[in-house]
Each structure stands twice: as C-alpha cells, then as structure tokens.
Amino acid sequence: MDNLIVSRNPVRLRWVDVGGTTLIGRSIKEYTEFYDRAYWQMGTRRAEPSYDLFALAW
C-alpha cells in the first residue's frame, strides 16, 4: 500500500515504485538488462531523463 496513490475528482489510482530512483548524473544499476539501454549499446548507464524514456518506450 506504500506505493499506491489514490486521488479523487477524478478518481485515479497510481502505483509508484521509487526503489530505483537515482540522482541525475549518477551511475544506474539496472537489474533487468533487457530494459537497460547500455545492454543494447544505445547509451550509458548514467541517470538522465532519456534513460527513463528509453525504458518506457522499449
């Protein structure tokens, strides 16, 4: 329940996992290589907005 956000008007449920958050510019440890852009040789393992965009789009 700690990862669930409930809002009203309109009613929305959101599940949030902040366990993998990393400061911008820091190195990322990705446990699921398939979603790691460095695994695909499409970038580095540095925390930046494009890293999350890659994982989302993939």
PDB file of N, CA and C in Angstrom:
ATOM      1  N   MET A   1       0.814  -1.204   0.000  1.00  0.00           N
ATOM      2  CA  MET A   1       0.000   0.000   0.000  1.00  0.00           C
ATOM      3  C   MET A   1       0.857   1.268   0.000  1.00  0.00           C
ATOM      4  N   ASP A   2       2.139   1.159   0.375  1.00  0.00           N
ATOM      5  CA  ASP A   2       3.006   2.334   0.398  1.00  0.00           C
ATOM      6  C   ASP A   2       3.237   2.903  -0.993  1.00  0.00           C
ATOM      7  N   ASN A   3       3.081   2.096  -2.022  1.00  0.00           N
ATOM      8  CA  ASN A   3       3.344   2.530  -3.394  1.00  0.00           C
ATOM      9  C   ASN A   3       2.069   2.888  -4.145  1.00  0.00           C
ATOM     10  N   LEU A   4       0.969   3.032  -3.463  1.00  0.00           N
ATOM     11  CA  LEU A   4      -0.308   3.337  -4.097  1.00  0.00           C
ATOM     12  C   LEU A   4      -0.730   4.760  -3.765  1.00  0.00           C
ATOM     13  N   ILE A   5      -1.053   5.537  -4.799  1.00  0.00           N
ATOM     14  CA  ILE A   5      -1.564   6.897  -4.625  1.00  0.00           C
ATOM     15  C   ILE A   5      -2.998   6.914  -5.130  1.00  0.00           C
ATOM     16  N   VAL A   6      -3.922   7.332  -4.275  1.00  0.00           N
ATOM     17  CA  VAL A   6      -5.339   7.419  -4.637  1.00  0.00           C
ATOM     18  C   VAL A   6      -5.731   8.885  -4.620  1.00  0.00           C
ATOM     19  N   SER A   7      -6.303   9.375  -5.712  1.00  0.00           N
ATOM     20  CA  SER A   7      -6.772  10.758  -5.758  1.00  0.00           C
ATOM     21  C   SER A   7      -8.242  10.782  -6.156  1.00  0.00           C
ATOM     22  N   ARG A   8      -8.912  11.850  -5.797  1.00  0.00           N
ATOM     23  CA  ARG A   8     -10.340  11.989  -6.105  1.00  0.00           C
ATOM     24  C   ARG A   8     -10.561  13.106  -7.116  1.00  0.00           C
ATOM     25  N   ASN A   9     -11.678  13.018  -7.761  1.00  0.00           N
ATOM     26  CA  ASN A   9     -12.190  14.066  -8.637  1.00  0.00           C
ATOM     27  C   ASN A   9     -11.213  14.475  -9.725  1.00  0.00           C
ATOM     28  N   PRO A  10     -10.957  13.717 -10.726  1.00  0.00           N
ATOM     29  CA  PRO A  10     -11.496  12.380 -10.958  1.00  0.00           C
ATOM     30  C   PRO A  10     -10.740  11.326 -10.152  1.00  0.00           C
ATOM     31  N   VAL A  11     -11.389  10.208  -9.921  1.00  0.00           N
ATOM     32  CA  VAL A  11     -10.768   9.121  -9.166  1.00  0.00           C
ATOM     33  C   VAL A  11      -9.646   8.513  -9.999  1.00  0.00           C
ATOM     34  N   ARG A  12      -8.460   8.429  -9.392  1.00  0.00           N
ATOM     35  CA  ARG A  12      -7.310   7.832 -10.083  1.00  0.00           C
ATOM     36  C   ARG A  12      -6.526   6.983  -9.095  1.00  0.00           C
ATOM     37  N   LEU A  13      -6.023   5.882  -9.593  1.00  0.00           N
ATOM     38  CA  LEU A  13      -5.121   5.036  -8.822  1.00  0.00           C
ATOM     39  C   LEU A  13      -3.781   5.040  -9.530  1.00  0.00           C
ATOM     40  N   ARG A  14      -2.724   5.254  -8.777  1.00  0.00           N
ATOM     41  CA  ARG A  14      -1.378   5.257  -9.361  1.00  0.00           C
ATOM     42  C   ARG A  14      -0.458   4.409  -8.496  1.00  0.00           C
ATOM     43  N   TRP A  15       0.257   3.518  -9.136  1.00  0.00           N
ATOM     44  CA  TRP A  15       1.256   2.721  -8.441  1.00  0.00           C
ATOM     45  C   TRP A  15       2.622   3.316  -8.744  1.00  0.00           C
ATOM     46  N   VAL A  16       3.398   3.578  -7.699  1.00  0.00           N
ATOM     47  CA  VAL A  16       4.688   4.233  -7.840  1.00  0.00           C
ATOM     48  C   VAL A  16       5.771   3.349  -7.228  1.00  0.00           C
ATOM     49  N   ASP A  17       6.836   3.127  -7.975  1.00  0.00           N
ATOM     50  CA  ASP A  17       7.983   2.380  -7.456  1.00  0.00           C
ATOM     51  C   ASP A  17       9.196   3.290  -7.503  1.00  0.00           C
ATOM     52  N   VAL A  18       9.586   3.812  -6.359  1.00  0.00           N
ATOM     53  CA  VAL A  18      10.733   4.714  -6.308  1.00  0.00           C
ATOM     54  C   VAL A  18      11.998   4.005  -5.838  1.00  0.00           C
ATOM     55  N   GLY A  19      11.949   2.693  -5.785  1.00  0.00           N
ATOM     56  CA  GLY A  19      13.102   1.921  -5.336  1.00  0.00           C
ATOM     57  C   GLY A  19      14.315   2.078  -6.226  1.00  0.00           C
ATOM     58  N   GLY A  20      14.109   2.388  -7.486  1.00  0.00           N
ATOM     59  CA  GLY A  20      15.224   2.518  -8.410  1.00  0.00           C
ATOM     60  C   GLY A  20      15.597   3.945  -8.745  1.00  0.00           C
ATOM     61  N   THR A  21      15.148   4.898  -7.954  1.00  0.00           N
ATOM     62  CA  THR A  21      15.469   6.296  -8.264  1.00  0.00           C
ATOM     63  C   THR A  21      16.946   6.587  -8.006  1.00  0.00           C
ATOM     64  N   THR A  22      17.519   7.386  -8.871  1.00  0.00           N
ATOM     65  CA  THR A  22      18.929   7.750  -8.797  1.00  0.00           C
ATOM     66  C   THR A  22      19.067   9.218  -9.152  1.00  0.00           C
ATOM     67  N   LEU A  23      19.961   9.919  -8.483  1.00  0.00           N
ATOM     68  CA  LEU A  23      20.199  11.326  -8.787  1.00  0.00           C
ATOM     69  C   LEU A  23      20.727  11.479 -10.217  1.00  0.00           C
ATOM     70  N   ILE A  24      20.337  12.562 -10.884  1.00  0.00           N
ATOM     71  CA  ILE A  24      20.805  12.850 -12.241  1.00  0.00           C
ATOM     72  C   ILE A  24      22.334  12.864 -12.255  1.00  0.00           C
ATOM     73  N   GLY A  25      22.910  12.174 -13.232  1.00  0.00           N
ATOM     74  CA  GLY A  25      24.357  12.130 -13.383  1.00  0.00           C
ATOM     75  C   GLY A  25      25.030  10.965 -12.677  1.00  0.00           C
ATOM     76  N   ARG A  26      24.317  10.293 -11.788  1.00  0.00           N
ATOM     77  CA  ARG A  26      24.896   9.156 -11.070  1.00  0.00           C
ATOM     78  C   ARG A  26      24.763   7.888 -11.896  1.00  0.00           C
ATOM     79  N   SER A  27      25.540   6.892 -11.561  1.00  0.00           N
ATOM     80  CA  SER A  27      25.501   5.609 -12.249  1.00  0.00           C
ATOM     81  C   SER A  27      24.260   4.821 -11.844  1.00  0.00           C
ATOM     82  N   ILE A  28      23.698   4.082 -12.786  1.00  0.00           N
ATOM     83  CA  ILE A  28      22.485   3.304 -12.562  1.00  0.00           C
ATOM     84  C   ILE A  28      22.827   1.821 -12.525  1.00  0.00           C
ATOM     85  N   LYS A  29      22.225   1.107 -11.587  1.00  0.00           N
ATOM     86  CA  LYS A  29      22.333  -0.346 -11.556  1.00  0.00           C
ATOM     87  C   LYS A  29      20.990  -0.896 -11.988  1.00  0.00           C
ATOM     88  N   GLU A  30      20.931  -1.434 -13.188  1.00  0.00           N
ATOM     89  CA  GLU A  30      19.692  -1.985 -13.741  1.00  0.00           C
ATOM     90  C   GLU A  30      19.713  -3.492 -13.559  1.00  0.00           C
ATOM     91  N   TYR A  31      18.723  -4.019 -12.849  1.00  0.00           N
ATOM     92  CA  TYR A  31      18.657  -5.450 -12.588  1.00  0.00           C
ATOM     93  C   TYR A  31      17.993  -6.225 -13.726  1.00  0.00           C
ATOM     94  N   THR A  32      17.271  -5.545 -14.575  1.00  0.00           N
ATOM     95  CA  THR A  32      16.636  -6.182 -15.721  1.00  0.00           C
ATOM     96  C   THR A  32      17.351  -5.686 -16.972  1.00  0.00           C
ATOM     97  N   GLU A  33      18.361  -6.407 -17.406  1.00  0.00           N
ATOM     98  CA  GLU A  33      19.212  -5.943 -18.506  1.00  0.00           C
ATOM     99  C   GLU A  33      18.436  -5.618 -19.770  1.00  0.00           C
ATOM    100  N   PHE A  34      17.365  -6.317 -20.017  1.00  0.00           N
ATOM    101  CA  PHE A  34      16.596  -6.118 -21.239  1.00  0.00           C
ATOM    102  C   PHE A  34      16.110  -4.676 -21.371  1.00  0.00           C
ATOM    103  N   TYR A  35      15.854  -3.987 -20.235  1.00  0.00           N
ATOM    104  CA  TYR A  35      15.365  -2.605 -20.253  1.00  0.00           C
ATOM    105  C   TYR A  35      16.488  -1.588 -20.081  1.00  0.00           C
ATOM    106  N   ASP A  36      17.712  -2.019 -20.145  1.00  0.00           N
ATOM    107  CA  ASP A  36      18.866  -1.155 -19.953  1.00  0.00           C
ATOM    108  C   ASP A  36      19.429  -0.746 -21.309  1.00  0.00           C
ATOM    109  N   ARG A  37      19.489   0.541 -21.584  1.00  0.00           N
ATOM    110  CA  ARG A  37      19.960   0.985 -22.900  1.00  0.00           C
ATOM    111  C   ARG A  37      21.427   0.652 -23.127  1.00  0.00           C
ATOM    112  N   ALA A  38      22.231   0.543 -22.072  1.00  0.00           N
ATOM    113  CA  ALA A  38      23.636   0.164 -22.229  1.00  0.00           C
ATOM    114  C   ALA A  38      23.747  -1.286 -22.716  1.00  0.00           C
ATOM    115  N   TYR A  39      22.834  -2.127 -22.307  1.00  0.00           N
ATOM    116  CA  TYR A  39      22.789  -3.514 -22.769  1.00  0.00           C
ATOM    117  C   TYR A  39      22.635  -3.556 -24.293  1.00  0.00           C
ATOM    118  N   TRP A  40      21.833  -2.634 -24.831  1.00  0.00           N
ATOM    119  CA  TRP A  40      21.588  -2.552 -26.268  1.00  0.00           C
ATOM    120  C   TRP A  40      22.598  -1.649 -26.971  1.00  0.00           C
ATOM    121  N   GLN A  41      23.582  -1.133 -26.227  1.00  0.00           N
ATOM    122  CA  GLN A  41      24.606  -0.218 -26.740  1.00  0.00           C
ATOM    123  C   GLN A  41      23.987   1.030 -27.371  1.00  0.00           C
ATOM    124  N   MET A  42      22.971   1.567 -26.667  1.00  0.00           N
ATOM    125  CA  MET A  42      22.278   2.765 -27.136  1.00  0.00           C
ATOM    126  C   MET A  42      22.433   3.922 -26.152  1.00  0.00           C
ATOM    127  N   GLY A  43      23.469   3.877 -25.326  1.00  0.00           N
ATOM    128  CA  GLY A  43      23.715   4.940 -24.362  1.00  0.00           C
ATOM    129  C   GLY A  43      24.449   4.401 -23.149  1.00  0.00           C
ATOM    130  N   THR A  44      24.621   5.267 -22.170  1.00  0.00           N
ATOM    131  CA  THR A  44      25.352   4.905 -20.957  1.00  0.00           C
ATOM    132  C   THR A  44      24.390   4.511 -19.842  1.00  0.00           C
ATOM    133  N   ARG A  45      24.966   4.150 -18.714  1.00  0.00           N
ATOM    134  CA  ARG A  45      24.164   3.843 -17.527  1.00  0.00           C
ATOM    135  C   ARG A  45      24.165   5.025 -16.560  1.00  0.00           C
ATOM    136  N   ARG A  46      24.142   6.222 -17.075  1.00  0.00           N
ATOM    137  CA  ARG A  46      24.063   7.432 -16.256  1.00  0.00           C
ATOM    138  C   ARG A  46      22.603   7.871 -16.141  1.00  0.00           C
ATOM    139  N   ALA A  47      22.227   8.305 -14.949  1.00  0.00           N
ATOM    140  CA  ALA A  47      20.848   8.758 -14.713  1.00  0.00           C
ATOM    141  C   ALA A  47      20.608  10.071 -15.433  1.00  0.00           C
ATOM    142  N   GLU A  48      19.633  10.077 -16.317  1.00  0.00           N
ATOM    143  CA  GLU A  48      19.195  11.267 -17.048  1.00  0.00           C
ATOM    144  C   GLU A  48      17.812  10.976 -17.612  1.00  0.00           C
ATOM    145  N   PRO A  49      17.031  11.983 -17.942  1.00  0.00           N
ATOM    146  CA  PRO A  49      15.665  11.754 -18.411  1.00  0.00           C
ATOM    147  C   PRO A  49      15.584  10.801 -19.610  1.00  0.00           C
ATOM    148  N   SER A  50      16.547  10.850 -20.512  1.00  0.00           N
ATOM    149  CA  SER A  50      16.477   9.982 -21.695  1.00  0.00           C
ATOM    150  C   SER A  50      16.648   8.511 -21.331  1.00  0.00           C
ATOM    151  N   TYR A  51      17.275   8.202 -20.195  1.00  0.00           N
ATOM    152  CA  TYR A  51      17.415   6.809 -19.760  1.00  0.00           C
ATOM    153  C   TYR A  51      16.039   6.225 -19.446  1.00  0.00           C
ATOM    154  N   ASP A  52      15.222   6.969 -18.705  1.00  0.00           N
ATOM    155  CA  ASP A  52      13.866   6.507 -18.377  1.00  0.00           C
ATOM    156  C   ASP A  52      12.992   6.457 -19.615  1.00  0.00           C
ATOM    157  N   LEU A  53      13.173   7.395 -20.518  1.00  0.00           N
ATOM    158  CA  LEU A  53      12.400   7.401 -21.762  1.00  0.00           C
ATOM    159  C   LEU A  53      12.697   6.151 -22.577  1.00  0.00           C
ATOM    160  N   PHE A  54      13.949   5.743 -22.620  1.00  0.00           N
ATOM    161  CA  PHE A  54      14.313   4.518 -23.336  1.00  0.00           C
ATOM    162  C   PHE A  54      13.595   3.314 -22.737  1.00  0.00           C
ATOM    163  N   ALA A  55      13.621   3.173 -21.421  1.00  0.00           N
ATOM    164  CA  ALA A  55      12.977   2.033 -20.759  1.00  0.00           C
ATOM    165  C   ALA A  55      11.477   2.039 -20.973  1.00  0.00           C
ATOM    166  N   LEU A  56      10.864   3.219 -20.955  1.00  0.00           N
ATOM    167  CA  LEU A  56       9.425   3.327 -21.165  1.00  0.00           C
ATOM    168  C   LEU A  56       9.036   2.983 -22.598  1.00  0.00           C
ATOM    169  N   ALA A  57       9.794   3.476 -23.544  1.00  0.00           N
ATOM    170  CA  ALA A  57       9.480   3.278 -24.963  1.00  0.00           C
ATOM    171  C   ALA A  57       9.764   1.858 -25.423  1.00  0.00           C
ATOM    172  N   TRP A  58      10.743   1.226 -24.808  1.00  0.00           N
ATOM    173  CA  TRP A  58      11.112  -0.104 -25.236  1.00  0.00           C
ATOM    174  C   TRP A  58      10.010  -1.056 -24.935  1.00  0.00           C
TER     175      TRP A  58
END
